Amino acid sequence: MVYAAFLAYSTPSPTTLLMDLVLGGIVASIASLMLADVLIAERPQKAFNPRRWAWLLAYAAHYFTLVELRAHLDVVRRILHPKMPINPGIVRVPYHVESDHGIVAVANSVTNTPGTVVVDLDTQARRYYVHWIDVASTDERECFERITKGFERYARKAFD
């Protein structure tokens, strides 16, 4: 997974050398072996399920194509608009994913999406606290629908 992210960010560069790719693979393999017991504490066999990997790839494809593009265009529109139409605020967004990996994946997806940032997490109430550039509603159900529902769909299938 770490190596896949490394490849995604480095391969398009014209200065990437074969040595960079090989060294990245070696470092990612060593890190994976050292951290496997820590990162995959519950049911390690889940990590070898090809269906989960397919959902993880679909998650990444969906996020990096549709979600990121729409969010960037929305933020650019707000910046270039003469009146800068923003209504910032912090909203509570419930989450339904079960695993720690799923919770973190959704939180990271929200944070990396322009216009939203997870600022806190309440694991007992099962809520993210999200700073949103344009609060359309403070209703938790609507916030879930608008902010995290799409991420959770993929995260549940990949991680739970």
Protein backbone atom coordinates (compact mmCIF):
# COMPACT_ATOMS: atom_id res chain seq x y z
CA MET A 1 0.00 0.00 0.00
CA VAL A 2 2.78 2.40 0.94
CA TYR A 3 4.67 1.46 -2.20
CA ALA A 4 1.54 1.97 -4.32
CA ALA A 5 1.17 5.48 -2.92
CA PHE A 6 4.87 6.12 -3.57
CA LEU A 7 4.46 4.96 -7.17
CA ALA A 8 1.36 7.07 -7.70
CA TYR A 9 3.15 10.22 -6.62
CA SER A 10 6.59 9.61 -8.13
CA THR A 11 6.11 7.76 -11.41
CA PRO A 12 4.66 10.67 -13.40
CA SER A 13 7.81 12.71 -12.70
CA PRO A 14 10.29 12.87 -15.58
CA THR A 15 13.18 12.82 -13.08
CA THR A 16 12.20 9.48 -11.51
CA LEU A 17 14.94 6.91 -11.93
CA LEU A 18 14.70 3.13 -11.86
CA MET A 19 16.86 3.23 -8.72
CA ASP A 20 14.18 5.38 -7.00
CA LEU A 21 11.53 2.79 -7.76
CA VAL A 22 13.66 -0.13 -6.60
CA LEU A 23 14.78 1.62 -3.41
CA GLY A 24 11.18 2.66 -2.70
CA GLY A 25 10.08 -0.96 -3.01
CA ILE A 26 12.82 -2.16 -0.67
CA VAL A 27 12.06 0.48 1.97
CA ALA A 28 8.30 -0.15 1.73
CA SER A 29 8.85 -3.90 2.12
CA ILE A 30 11.07 -3.48 5.17
CA ALA A 31 8.62 -1.05 6.77
CA SER A 32 5.72 -3.41 6.05
CA LEU A 33 7.50 -6.36 7.64
CA MET A 34 8.49 -4.35 10.72
CA LEU A 35 5.03 -2.87 11.28
CA ALA A 36 2.78 -5.77 10.25
CA ASP A 37 2.06 -6.87 13.83
CA VAL A 38 1.21 -3.32 14.86
CA LEU A 39 -0.86 -2.33 11.85
CA ILE A 40 -2.80 -5.55 11.38
CA ALA A 41 -3.68 -6.45 14.96
CA GLU A 42 -7.11 -7.95 14.35
CA ARG A 43 -7.71 -10.71 11.80
CA PRO A 44 -4.57 -10.29 9.66
CA GLN A 45 -6.03 -12.59 6.99
CA LYS A 46 -8.30 -9.67 5.98
CA ALA A 47 -5.26 -8.00 4.41
CA PHE A 48 -4.94 -10.80 1.85
CA ASN A 49 -8.53 -10.71 0.59
CA PRO A 50 -8.46 -9.66 -3.11
CA ARG A 51 -11.99 -8.27 -2.88
CA ARG A 52 -10.83 -5.80 -0.20
CA TRP A 53 -7.91 -4.74 -2.40
CA ALA A 54 -10.29 -4.20 -5.33
CA TRP A 55 -12.48 -1.98 -3.15
CA LEU A 56 -9.40 -0.11 -1.95
CA LEU A 57 -8.34 0.55 -5.54
CA ALA A 58 -11.89 1.64 -6.41
CA TYR A 59 -11.82 3.95 -3.37
CA ALA A 60 -8.56 5.54 -4.53
CA ALA A 61 -9.75 5.89 -8.13
CA HIS A 62 -13.05 7.46 -7.05
CA TYR A 63 -11.33 9.81 -4.62
CA PHE A 64 -8.49 10.99 -6.85
CA THR A 65 -10.67 11.49 -9.92
CA LEU A 66 -14.18 12.60 -9.02
CA VAL A 67 -14.07 13.80 -5.42
CA GLU A 68 -10.80 15.73 -5.60
CA LEU A 69 -11.68 17.35 -8.93
CA ARG A 70 -15.11 18.51 -7.78
CA ALA A 71 -13.76 19.83 -4.49
CA HIS A 72 -10.90 21.72 -6.13
CA LEU A 73 -13.23 23.29 -8.68
CA ASP A 74 -15.64 24.30 -5.91
CA VAL A 75 -12.89 25.96 -3.85
CA VAL A 76 -11.47 27.72 -6.93
CA ARG A 77 -14.96 29.00 -7.78
CA ARG A 78 -15.36 30.38 -4.26
CA ILE A 79 -11.95 32.05 -4.36
CA LEU A 80 -12.51 33.67 -7.74
CA HIS A 81 -16.09 34.74 -7.03
CA PRO A 82 -16.20 38.51 -6.29
CA LYS A 83 -18.25 37.99 -3.10
CA MET A 84 -16.30 34.87 -1.99
CA PRO A 85 -19.41 32.87 -0.98
CA ILE A 86 -18.29 30.98 2.09
CA ASN A 87 -20.11 30.06 5.27
CA PRO A 88 -17.44 28.33 7.36
CA GLY A 89 -18.17 26.38 10.50
CA ILE A 90 -17.57 23.18 12.42
CA VAL A 91 -20.18 20.43 12.12
CA ARG A 92 -20.64 17.05 13.77
CA VAL A 93 -20.60 14.16 11.33
CA PRO A 94 -21.45 10.65 12.54
CA TYR A 95 -19.48 7.70 11.25
CA HIS A 96 -20.50 4.08 10.82
CA VAL A 97 -17.26 2.33 9.88
CA GLU A 98 -16.05 -0.15 12.51
CA SER A 99 -12.32 -0.67 12.11
CA ASP A 100 -9.63 1.80 13.10
CA HIS A 101 -8.31 1.63 9.54
CA GLY A 102 -11.73 2.56 8.15
CA ILE A 103 -12.14 5.45 10.60
CA VAL A 104 -8.72 6.82 9.69
CA ALA A 105 -9.26 6.32 5.95
CA VAL A 106 -12.50 8.31 6.02
CA ALA A 107 -11.00 11.03 8.24
CA ASN A 108 -7.97 11.36 5.96
CA SER A 109 -10.18 11.48 2.87
CA VAL A 110 -12.26 14.28 4.40
CA THR A 111 -9.14 16.19 5.48
CA ASN A 112 -7.43 15.84 2.10
CA THR A 113 -10.53 17.05 0.27
CA PRO A 114 -10.38 20.82 -0.27
CA GLY A 115 -13.03 22.63 1.77
CA THR A 116 -13.20 20.16 4.67
CA VAL A 117 -10.87 19.27 7.55
CA VAL A 118 -11.46 16.80 10.37
CA VAL A 119 -10.44 18.74 13.49
CA ASP A 120 -11.47 16.22 16.16
CA LEU A 121 -12.76 12.69 16.60
CA ASP A 122 -15.08 11.44 19.33
CA THR A 123 -14.84 7.65 19.34
CA GLN A 124 -17.42 7.23 22.10
CA ALA A 125 -20.09 9.26 20.30
CA ARG A 126 -18.78 7.97 16.94
CA ARG A 127 -18.49 11.43 15.38
CA TYR A 128 -16.00 13.46 13.45
CA TYR A 129 -15.88 17.20 14.00
CA VAL A 130 -15.33 18.73 10.59
CA HIS A 131 -14.48 22.29 9.62
CA TRP A 132 -16.48 22.89 6.45
CA ILE A 133 -15.91 25.83 4.10
CA ASP A 134 -19.61 26.21 3.33
CA VAL A 135 -21.91 24.80 6.01
CA ALA A 136 -25.09 23.89 4.15
CA SER A 137 -26.71 22.34 7.23
CA THR A 138 -25.85 21.46 10.81
CA ASP A 139 -28.11 18.40 10.78
CA GLU A 140 -25.85 15.41 11.43
CA ARG A 141 -27.63 13.17 8.95
CA GLU A 142 -27.33 15.72 6.15
CA CYS A 143 -23.68 16.38 7.03
CA PHE A 144 -23.03 12.64 6.79
CA GLU A 145 -24.76 12.51 3.40
CA ARG A 146 -22.80 15.46 2.03
CA ILE A 147 -19.37 14.90 3.56
CA THR A 148 -18.60 11.27 4.44
CA LYS A 149 -21.20 8.92 2.97
CA GLY A 150 -19.29 8.28 -0.26
CA PHE A 151 -16.04 7.65 1.59
CA GLU A 152 -17.70 5.30 4.06
CA ARG A 153 -19.21 3.19 1.30
CA TYR A 154 -15.75 2.28 0.04
CA ALA A 155 -14.02 2.21 3.45
CA ARG A 156 -16.53 -0.28 4.89
CA LYS A 157 -15.93 -2.71 2.04
CA ALA A 158 -12.16 -2.28 2.09
CA PHE A 159 -11.49 -2.23 5.84
CA ASP A 160 -14.42 -3.54 7.92
